[in-house]
């Protein structure tokens, strides 16, 4: 190797490394509910084994659900209209309106936040979910913009 080639090769290696890092990081996943972006405090949505995982409160509350978290049992319960869903940290069995369902991936903790499978929770509470690959965006459509449809009051 000629001494003068070193800086050019080092620069090339750095550029390849940076390209790999930005490809791995990719564009952040955007989640919208009825066209409005959901804001996530702290932990952003993550793609885990091909499933979009989101912090539990962000999406539940954006679709008009009342959310309860039991820190002792590591269980979250969400209610919207006549729908109810319960999930437990690390448990692939969920409860929807009294019936058990098996999830593809169990709720987990990422950076101190309980993360749940987005499609399951949105559809369990009566919303439609669409993923737009080109935008890296998950679009959730609720019926909450229909007249007379309101989220349940706290404590219900």
N, C-alpha and C. Protein backbone atom coordinates (compact mmCIF):
# COMPACT_ATOMS: atom_id res chain seq x y z
N UNK A 1 0.84 -1.17 0.00
CA UNK A 1 0.00 0.00 0.00
C UNK A 1 0.89 1.23 0.00
N UNK A 2 0.60 2.15 -0.84
CA UNK A 2 1.34 3.41 -0.92
C UNK A 2 0.80 4.31 0.18
N UNK A 3 1.70 5.02 0.81
CA UNK A 3 1.35 5.85 1.95
C UNK A 3 0.24 6.86 1.61
N UNK A 4 0.24 7.39 0.40
CA UNK A 4 -0.75 8.37 -0.01
C UNK A 4 -2.14 7.78 -0.21
N UNK A 5 -2.25 6.46 -0.38
CA UNK A 5 -3.55 5.82 -0.58
C UNK A 5 -4.31 5.64 0.74
N UNK A 6 -3.61 5.68 1.84
CA UNK A 6 -4.25 5.39 3.13
C UNK A 6 -5.44 6.31 3.43
N UNK A 7 -5.30 7.64 3.32
CA UNK A 7 -6.45 8.49 3.65
C UNK A 7 -7.66 8.20 2.77
N UNK A 8 -7.46 7.92 1.50
CA UNK A 8 -8.57 7.65 0.60
C UNK A 8 -9.27 6.34 0.97
N UNK A 9 -8.48 5.31 1.29
CA UNK A 9 -9.08 4.02 1.68
C UNK A 9 -9.79 4.15 3.02
N UNK A 10 -9.21 4.88 3.95
CA UNK A 10 -9.84 5.09 5.25
C UNK A 10 -11.15 5.83 5.09
N UNK A 11 -11.15 6.85 4.23
CA UNK A 11 -12.37 7.61 3.96
C UNK A 11 -13.44 6.71 3.34
N UNK A 12 -13.04 5.87 2.40
CA UNK A 12 -13.98 4.94 1.76
C UNK A 12 -14.59 4.00 2.79
N UNK A 13 -13.75 3.46 3.67
CA UNK A 13 -14.26 2.56 4.71
C UNK A 13 -15.22 3.27 5.64
N UNK A 14 -14.92 4.52 6.00
CA UNK A 14 -15.81 5.29 6.86
C UNK A 14 -17.16 5.52 6.19
N UNK A 15 -17.13 5.86 4.90
CA UNK A 15 -18.38 6.09 4.18
C UNK A 15 -19.24 4.83 4.10
N UNK A 16 -18.59 3.69 3.87
CA UNK A 16 -19.33 2.42 3.83
C UNK A 16 -19.94 2.14 5.21
N UNK A 17 -19.17 2.37 6.26
CA UNK A 17 -19.68 2.14 7.62
C UNK A 17 -20.85 3.06 7.93
N UNK A 18 -20.75 4.34 7.56
CA UNK A 18 -21.85 5.27 7.80
C UNK A 18 -23.09 4.89 7.01
N UNK A 19 -22.92 4.46 5.78
CA UNK A 19 -24.06 4.04 4.97
C UNK A 19 -24.74 2.84 5.60
N UNK A 20 -23.95 1.92 6.15
CA UNK A 20 -24.53 0.75 6.81
C UNK A 20 -25.33 1.14 8.03
N UNK A 21 -24.79 2.09 8.82
CA UNK A 21 -25.49 2.54 10.02
C UNK A 21 -26.78 3.23 9.64
N UNK A 22 -26.77 4.14 8.65
CA UNK A 22 -28.01 4.81 8.30
C UNK A 22 -29.01 3.86 7.69
N UNK A 23 -28.57 2.83 6.97
CA UNK A 23 -29.50 1.84 6.45
C UNK A 23 -30.12 1.06 7.60
N UNK A 24 -29.31 0.70 8.60
CA UNK A 24 -29.82 -0.05 9.74
C UNK A 24 -30.82 0.78 10.54
N UNK A 25 -30.52 2.08 10.70
CA UNK A 25 -31.43 2.94 11.45
C UNK A 25 -32.69 3.17 10.64
N UNK A 26 -32.53 3.48 9.35
CA UNK A 26 -33.67 3.68 8.46
C UNK A 26 -34.53 4.86 8.86
N UNK A 27 -35.59 5.02 8.13
CA UNK A 27 -36.54 6.07 8.45
C UNK A 27 -37.37 5.64 9.65
N UNK A 28 -37.68 6.57 10.53
CA UNK A 28 -38.52 6.20 11.67
C UNK A 28 -39.91 5.79 11.19
N UNK A 29 -40.52 4.90 11.94
CA UNK A 29 -41.88 4.45 11.62
C UNK A 29 -42.85 5.54 12.08
N UNK A 30 -43.71 5.96 11.18
CA UNK A 30 -44.71 6.98 11.48
C UNK A 30 -46.05 6.26 11.68
N UNK A 31 -46.77 6.66 12.72
CA UNK A 31 -48.10 6.11 12.99
C UNK A 31 -49.08 7.26 12.99
N UNK A 32 -50.16 7.11 12.21
CA UNK A 32 -51.21 8.13 12.21
C UNK A 32 -52.53 7.49 12.61
N UNK A 33 -53.36 8.28 13.26
CA UNK A 33 -54.73 7.86 13.59
C UNK A 33 -55.65 8.89 12.98
N UNK A 34 -56.48 8.43 12.06
CA UNK A 34 -57.40 9.30 11.32
C UNK A 34 -56.65 10.50 10.73
N UNK A 35 -55.45 10.23 10.20
CA UNK A 35 -54.66 11.25 9.51
C UNK A 35 -53.78 12.10 10.40
N UNK A 36 -53.90 11.96 11.71
CA UNK A 36 -53.08 12.77 12.63
C UNK A 36 -51.93 11.93 13.17
N UNK A 37 -50.70 12.46 13.10
CA UNK A 37 -49.55 11.70 13.62
C UNK A 37 -49.67 11.47 15.13
N UNK A 38 -49.30 10.27 15.55
CA UNK A 38 -49.28 9.94 16.98
C UNK A 38 -47.91 10.34 17.52
N UNK A 39 -47.91 11.06 18.63
CA UNK A 39 -46.65 11.47 19.27
C UNK A 39 -46.31 10.44 20.34
N UNK A 40 -45.08 9.97 20.31
CA UNK A 40 -44.61 8.99 21.28
C UNK A 40 -43.56 9.63 22.17
N UNK A 41 -43.79 9.60 23.47
CA UNK A 41 -42.82 10.14 24.42
C UNK A 41 -41.78 9.06 24.69
N UNK A 42 -40.53 9.38 24.47
CA UNK A 42 -39.47 8.41 24.77
C UNK A 42 -39.25 7.42 23.65
N UNK A 43 -39.76 6.23 23.81
CA UNK A 43 -39.51 5.14 22.87
C UNK A 43 -40.41 5.25 21.64
N UNK A 44 -39.81 5.17 20.48
CA UNK A 44 -40.53 5.24 19.21
C UNK A 44 -40.99 3.84 18.80
N UNK A 45 -41.92 3.75 17.84
CA UNK A 45 -42.32 2.44 17.32
C UNK A 45 -41.11 1.68 16.80
N UNK A 46 -41.13 0.36 16.97
CA UNK A 46 -40.02 -0.50 16.58
C UNK A 46 -40.55 -1.65 15.72
N UNK A 47 -39.74 -2.07 14.75
CA UNK A 47 -40.04 -3.26 13.98
C UNK A 47 -39.31 -4.42 14.66
N UNK A 48 -40.07 -5.33 15.24
CA UNK A 48 -39.50 -6.49 15.94
C UNK A 48 -40.02 -7.74 15.25
N UNK A 49 -39.12 -8.48 14.63
CA UNK A 49 -39.49 -9.72 13.93
C UNK A 49 -40.62 -9.51 12.94
N UNK A 50 -40.59 -8.37 12.25
CA UNK A 50 -41.61 -8.10 11.24
C UNK A 50 -42.92 -7.57 11.77
N UNK A 51 -42.99 -7.28 13.06
CA UNK A 51 -44.20 -6.74 13.68
C UNK A 51 -43.89 -5.35 14.22
N UNK A 52 -44.80 -4.41 14.00
CA UNK A 52 -44.60 -3.06 14.52
C UNK A 52 -45.08 -3.05 15.97
N UNK A 53 -44.14 -2.73 16.86
CA UNK A 53 -44.43 -2.65 18.29
C UNK A 53 -44.44 -1.17 18.68
N UNK A 54 -45.43 -0.78 19.48
CA UNK A 54 -45.57 0.62 19.89
C UNK A 54 -45.75 0.72 21.39
N UNK A 55 -45.33 1.87 21.97
CA UNK A 55 -45.62 2.09 23.39
C UNK A 55 -47.13 2.03 23.61
N UNK A 56 -47.52 1.39 24.67
CA UNK A 56 -48.93 1.05 24.88
C UNK A 56 -49.86 2.26 24.91
N UNK A 57 -49.52 3.31 25.59
CA UNK A 57 -50.45 4.44 25.72
C UNK A 57 -50.65 5.24 24.43
N UNK A 58 -49.59 5.47 23.67
CA UNK A 58 -49.66 6.33 22.50
C UNK A 58 -50.81 6.01 21.57
N UNK A 59 -50.86 4.80 21.07
CA UNK A 59 -51.89 4.43 20.10
C UNK A 59 -53.24 4.22 20.77
N UNK A 60 -53.26 3.54 21.92
CA UNK A 60 -54.54 3.31 22.61
C UNK A 60 -55.26 4.64 22.83
N UNK A 61 -54.58 5.61 23.39
CA UNK A 61 -55.23 6.88 23.69
C UNK A 61 -55.55 7.66 22.42
N UNK A 62 -54.72 7.56 21.39
CA UNK A 62 -54.99 8.27 20.14
C UNK A 62 -56.24 7.75 19.44
N UNK A 63 -56.58 6.46 19.65
CA UNK A 63 -57.81 5.94 19.03
C UNK A 63 -59.02 6.07 19.95
N UNK A 64 -58.83 6.78 21.06
CA UNK A 64 -59.95 7.06 21.94
C UNK A 64 -60.21 6.00 22.98
N UNK A 65 -59.22 5.20 23.32
CA UNK A 65 -59.40 4.15 24.33
C UNK A 65 -59.00 4.67 25.70
N UNK A 66 -59.67 4.17 26.70
CA UNK A 66 -59.30 4.42 28.09
C UNK A 66 -58.32 3.32 28.48
N UNK A 67 -57.17 3.69 29.04
CA UNK A 67 -56.10 2.74 29.33
C UNK A 67 -55.84 2.65 30.82
N UNK A 68 -55.76 1.40 31.31
CA UNK A 68 -55.37 1.14 32.70
C UNK A 68 -54.14 0.25 32.67
N UNK A 69 -53.17 0.54 33.55
CA UNK A 69 -51.99 -0.31 33.65
C UNK A 69 -51.85 -0.78 35.08
N UNK A 70 -51.70 -2.09 35.27
CA UNK A 70 -51.46 -2.67 36.58
C UNK A 70 -49.99 -3.03 36.67
N UNK A 71 -49.19 -2.23 37.41
CA UNK A 71 -47.75 -2.48 37.46
C UNK A 71 -47.37 -3.75 38.22
N UNK A 72 -48.24 -4.21 39.10
CA UNK A 72 -47.95 -5.43 39.85
C UNK A 72 -48.07 -6.65 38.95
N UNK A 73 -49.13 -6.70 38.15
CA UNK A 73 -49.37 -7.83 37.24
C UNK A 73 -48.76 -7.61 35.86
N UNK A 74 -48.21 -6.41 35.61
CA UNK A 74 -47.66 -6.06 34.29
C UNK A 74 -48.73 -6.29 33.21
N UNK A 75 -49.92 -5.80 33.49
CA UNK A 75 -51.07 -6.00 32.60
C UNK A 75 -51.66 -4.64 32.21
N UNK A 76 -51.97 -4.50 30.94
CA UNK A 76 -52.64 -3.30 30.46
C UNK A 76 -54.02 -3.70 29.95
N UNK A 77 -55.00 -2.86 30.28
CA UNK A 77 -56.37 -3.07 29.82
C UNK A 77 -56.79 -1.79 29.10
N UNK A 78 -57.37 -1.94 27.93
CA UNK A 78 -57.86 -0.79 27.17
C UNK A 78 -59.31 -1.04 26.79
N UNK A 79 -60.10 0.04 26.88
CA UNK A 79 -61.52 -0.05 26.53
C UNK A 79 -61.86 1.07 25.57
N UNK A 80 -62.63 0.72 24.55
CA UNK A 80 -63.12 1.70 23.57
C UNK A 80 -64.46 1.21 23.09
N UNK A 81 -65.48 2.07 23.22
CA UNK A 81 -66.84 1.71 22.87
C UNK A 81 -67.20 0.41 23.59
N UNK A 82 -67.60 -0.64 22.87
CA UNK A 82 -67.95 -1.91 23.49
C UNK A 82 -66.83 -2.93 23.42
N UNK A 83 -65.63 -2.47 23.11
CA UNK A 83 -64.49 -3.37 22.95
C UNK A 83 -63.55 -3.24 24.16
N UNK A 84 -62.95 -4.37 24.52
CA UNK A 84 -61.99 -4.39 25.62
C UNK A 84 -60.87 -5.35 25.25
N UNK A 85 -59.64 -4.97 25.58
CA UNK A 85 -58.50 -5.84 25.31
C UNK A 85 -57.53 -5.77 26.50
N UNK A 86 -57.01 -6.95 26.87
CA UNK A 86 -56.02 -7.04 27.95
C UNK A 86 -54.78 -7.73 27.43
N UNK A 87 -53.62 -7.18 27.78
CA UNK A 87 -52.33 -7.75 27.40
C UNK A 87 -51.43 -7.77 28.63
N UNK A 88 -50.59 -8.81 28.71
CA UNK A 88 -49.62 -8.89 29.81
C UNK A 88 -48.21 -8.94 29.23
N UNK A 89 -47.32 -8.27 29.91
CA UNK A 89 -45.93 -8.24 29.50
C UNK A 89 -45.38 -9.66 29.41
N UNK A 90 -44.79 -10.01 28.26
CA UNK A 90 -44.17 -11.31 28.06
C UNK A 90 -45.12 -12.46 27.78
N UNK A 91 -46.42 -12.19 27.68
CA UNK A 91 -47.42 -13.24 27.50
C UNK A 91 -48.04 -13.13 26.10
N UNK A 92 -47.95 -14.19 25.31
CA UNK A 92 -48.51 -14.19 23.96
C UNK A 92 -50.02 -14.40 23.95
N UNK A 93 -50.61 -14.72 25.10
CA UNK A 93 -52.06 -14.89 25.18
C UNK A 93 -52.66 -13.57 25.64
N UNK A 94 -53.58 -13.04 24.83
CA UNK A 94 -54.28 -11.81 25.19
C UNK A 94 -55.76 -12.13 25.38
N UNK A 95 -56.47 -11.19 25.92
CA UNK A 95 -57.89 -11.36 26.15
C UNK A 95 -58.60 -10.22 25.43
N UNK A 96 -59.52 -10.58 24.56
CA UNK A 96 -60.30 -9.58 23.83
C UNK A 96 -61.77 -9.89 24.04
N UNK A 97 -62.46 -8.99 24.72
CA UNK A 97 -63.88 -9.15 25.02
C UNK A 97 -64.17 -10.50 25.67
N UNK A 98 -63.28 -10.93 26.55
CA UNK A 98 -63.48 -12.18 27.28
C UNK A 98 -62.96 -13.43 26.59
N UNK A 99 -62.54 -13.32 25.34
CA UNK A 99 -62.01 -14.48 24.61
C UNK A 99 -60.49 -14.38 24.52
N UNK A 100 -59.83 -15.53 24.58
CA UNK A 100 -58.38 -15.55 24.49
C UNK A 100 -57.92 -15.62 23.03
N UNK A 101 -56.85 -14.87 22.74
CA UNK A 101 -56.23 -14.86 21.42
C UNK A 101 -54.73 -14.99 21.61
N UNK A 102 -54.10 -15.71 20.68
CA UNK A 102 -52.64 -15.82 20.74
C UNK A 102 -52.02 -14.80 19.79
N UNK A 103 -51.08 -14.06 20.33
CA UNK A 103 -50.36 -13.05 19.55
C UNK A 103 -49.17 -13.68 18.85
N UNK A 104 -48.75 -13.09 17.74
CA UNK A 104 -47.53 -13.53 17.06
C UNK A 104 -46.30 -13.22 17.89
N UNK A 105 -46.38 -12.12 18.64
CA UNK A 105 -45.25 -11.66 19.45
C UNK A 105 -45.80 -11.09 20.75
N UNK A 106 -45.16 -11.44 21.84
CA UNK A 106 -45.63 -11.01 23.17
C UNK A 106 -45.25 -9.55 23.43
N UNK A 107 -46.07 -8.83 24.20
CA UNK A 107 -45.67 -7.49 24.63
C UNK A 107 -44.33 -7.56 25.36
N UNK A 108 -43.52 -6.52 25.18
CA UNK A 108 -42.17 -6.52 25.74
C UNK A 108 -41.80 -5.13 26.21
N UNK A 109 -40.71 -5.06 26.93
CA UNK A 109 -40.20 -3.77 27.37
C UNK A 109 -39.02 -3.38 26.49
N UNK A 110 -39.07 -2.18 25.95
CA UNK A 110 -37.97 -1.61 25.19
C UNK A 110 -37.72 -0.22 25.76
N UNK A 111 -36.50 0.00 26.22
CA UNK A 111 -36.10 1.28 26.82
C UNK A 111 -37.08 1.74 27.89
N UNK A 112 -37.51 0.82 28.73
CA UNK A 112 -38.37 1.15 29.86
C UNK A 112 -39.84 1.33 29.54
N UNK A 113 -40.24 1.06 28.31
CA UNK A 113 -41.65 1.21 27.91
C UNK A 113 -42.24 -0.13 27.54
N UNK A 114 -43.50 -0.36 27.93
CA UNK A 114 -44.19 -1.57 27.51
C UNK A 114 -44.61 -1.38 26.06
N UNK A 115 -44.14 -2.28 25.19
CA UNK A 115 -44.42 -2.21 23.76
C UNK A 115 -45.38 -3.34 23.39
N UNK A 116 -46.39 -3.00 22.58
CA UNK A 116 -47.40 -3.98 22.20
C UNK A 116 -47.53 -4.02 20.68
N UNK A 117 -48.03 -5.15 20.13
CA UNK A 117 -48.19 -5.25 18.67
C UNK A 117 -49.29 -4.32 18.17
N UNK A 118 -48.91 -3.37 17.33
CA UNK A 118 -49.81 -2.32 16.86
C UNK A 118 -51.06 -2.85 16.17
N UNK A 119 -50.90 -3.71 15.18
CA UNK A 119 -52.06 -4.17 14.41
C UNK A 119 -53.09 -4.84 15.31
N UNK A 120 -52.63 -5.71 16.21
CA UNK A 120 -53.56 -6.41 17.07
C UNK A 120 -54.35 -5.44 17.94
N UNK A 121 -53.66 -4.49 18.59
CA UNK A 121 -54.39 -3.61 19.50
C UNK A 121 -55.37 -2.71 18.76
N UNK A 122 -54.96 -2.18 17.61
CA UNK A 122 -55.85 -1.30 16.85
C UNK A 122 -57.08 -2.05 16.34
N UNK A 123 -56.85 -3.23 15.74
CA UNK A 123 -57.97 -4.00 15.21
C UNK A 123 -58.86 -4.54 16.33
N UNK A 124 -58.28 -4.87 17.47
CA UNK A 124 -59.07 -5.37 18.60
C UNK A 124 -60.06 -4.33 19.11
N UNK A 125 -59.71 -3.07 18.92
CA UNK A 125 -60.59 -2.00 19.38
C UNK A 125 -61.40 -1.39 18.24
N UNK A 126 -61.56 -2.15 17.15
CA UNK A 126 -62.46 -1.75 16.07
C UNK A 126 -61.89 -0.83 15.02
N UNK A 127 -60.59 -0.63 14.99
CA UNK A 127 -59.98 0.25 13.98
C UNK A 127 -59.45 -0.58 12.82
N UNK A 128 -59.29 0.07 11.68
CA UNK A 128 -58.66 -0.55 10.51
C UNK A 128 -57.21 -0.09 10.45
N UNK A 129 -56.33 -0.98 9.99
CA UNK A 129 -54.90 -0.68 9.94
C UNK A 129 -54.38 -0.91 8.53
N UNK A 130 -53.58 0.04 8.04
CA UNK A 130 -52.97 -0.06 6.73
C UNK A 130 -51.51 0.37 6.84
N UNK A 131 -50.60 -0.42 6.26
CA UNK A 131 -49.19 -0.07 6.26
C UNK A 131 -48.80 0.41 4.87
N UNK A 132 -48.22 1.60 4.78
CA UNK A 132 -47.77 2.17 3.52
C UNK A 132 -46.24 2.07 3.50
N UNK A 133 -45.75 1.07 2.78
CA UNK A 133 -44.32 0.77 2.77
C UNK A 133 -43.47 1.94 2.30
N UNK A 134 -43.90 2.63 1.24
CA UNK A 134 -43.11 3.73 0.68
C UNK A 134 -42.90 4.85 1.69
N UNK A 135 -43.84 5.05 2.59
CA UNK A 135 -43.75 6.11 3.58
C UNK A 135 -43.27 5.60 4.94
N UNK A 136 -43.15 4.27 5.08
CA UNK A 136 -42.85 3.64 6.38
C UNK A 136 -43.85 4.15 7.42
N UNK A 137 -45.12 4.11 7.02
CA UNK A 137 -46.20 4.68 7.82
C UNK A 137 -47.30 3.66 8.07
N UNK A 138 -47.77 3.62 9.31
CA UNK A 138 -48.92 2.81 9.68
C UNK A 138 -50.09 3.76 9.85
N UNK A 139 -51.13 3.54 9.06
CA UNK A 139 -52.32 4.38 9.11
C UNK A 139 -53.43 3.62 9.82
N UNK A 140 -53.95 4.22 10.88
CA UNK A 140 -55.05 3.63 11.64
C UNK A 140 -56.28 4.49 11.39
N UNK A 141 -57.36 3.83 11.00
CA UNK A 141 -58.62 4.52 10.73
C UNK A 141 -59.64 4.02 11.75
N UNK A 142 -60.21 4.96 12.49
CA UNK A 142 -61.24 4.61 13.49
C UNK A 142 -62.59 5.09 12.98
N UNK A 143 -63.61 4.72 13.71
CA UNK A 143 -64.94 5.23 13.39
C UNK A 143 -65.30 6.34 14.37
N UNK A 144 -64.29 6.89 15.07
CA UNK A 144 -64.55 7.91 16.09
C UNK A 144 -65.01 9.23 15.51
N UNK A 145 -64.86 9.42 14.20
CA UNK A 145 -65.33 10.66 13.60
C UNK A 145 -66.80 10.57 13.18
N UNK A 146 -67.43 9.43 13.48
CA UNK A 146 -68.86 9.29 13.19
C UNK A 146 -69.67 9.95 14.29
N UNK A 147 -70.81 10.56 13.97
CA UNK A 147 -71.63 11.21 14.99
C UNK A 147 -72.05 10.22 16.07
N UNK A 148 -71.99 10.66 17.32
CA UNK A 148 -72.46 9.84 18.43
C UNK A 148 -71.46 8.82 18.95
N UNK A 149 -70.30 8.70 18.36
CA UNK A 149 -69.31 7.74 18.82
C UNK A 149 -68.30 8.46 19.70
N UNK A 150 -68.25 8.07 20.97
CA UNK A 150 -67.35 8.70 21.92
C UNK A 150 -66.62 7.61 22.70
N UNK A 151 -65.36 7.90 23.14
CA UNK A 151 -64.65 6.93 23.96
C UNK A 151 -65.35 6.78 25.31
N UNK A 152 -65.18 5.65 25.99
CA UNK A 152 -65.83 5.47 27.28
C UNK A 152 -65.20 6.39 28.32
N UNK A 153 -65.99 6.80 29.30
CA UNK A 153 -65.43 7.66 30.34
C UNK A 153 -64.47 6.86 31.22
N UNK A 154 -63.54 7.55 31.91
CA UNK A 154 -62.64 6.83 32.82
C UNK A 154 -63.43 6.06 33.87
N UNK A 155 -62.94 4.89 34.21
CA UNK A 155 -63.58 4.06 35.23
C UNK A 155 -64.62 3.11 34.70
N UNK A 156 -64.91 3.15 33.43
CA UNK A 156 -65.93 2.26 32.87
C UNK A 156 -65.35 0.93 32.52
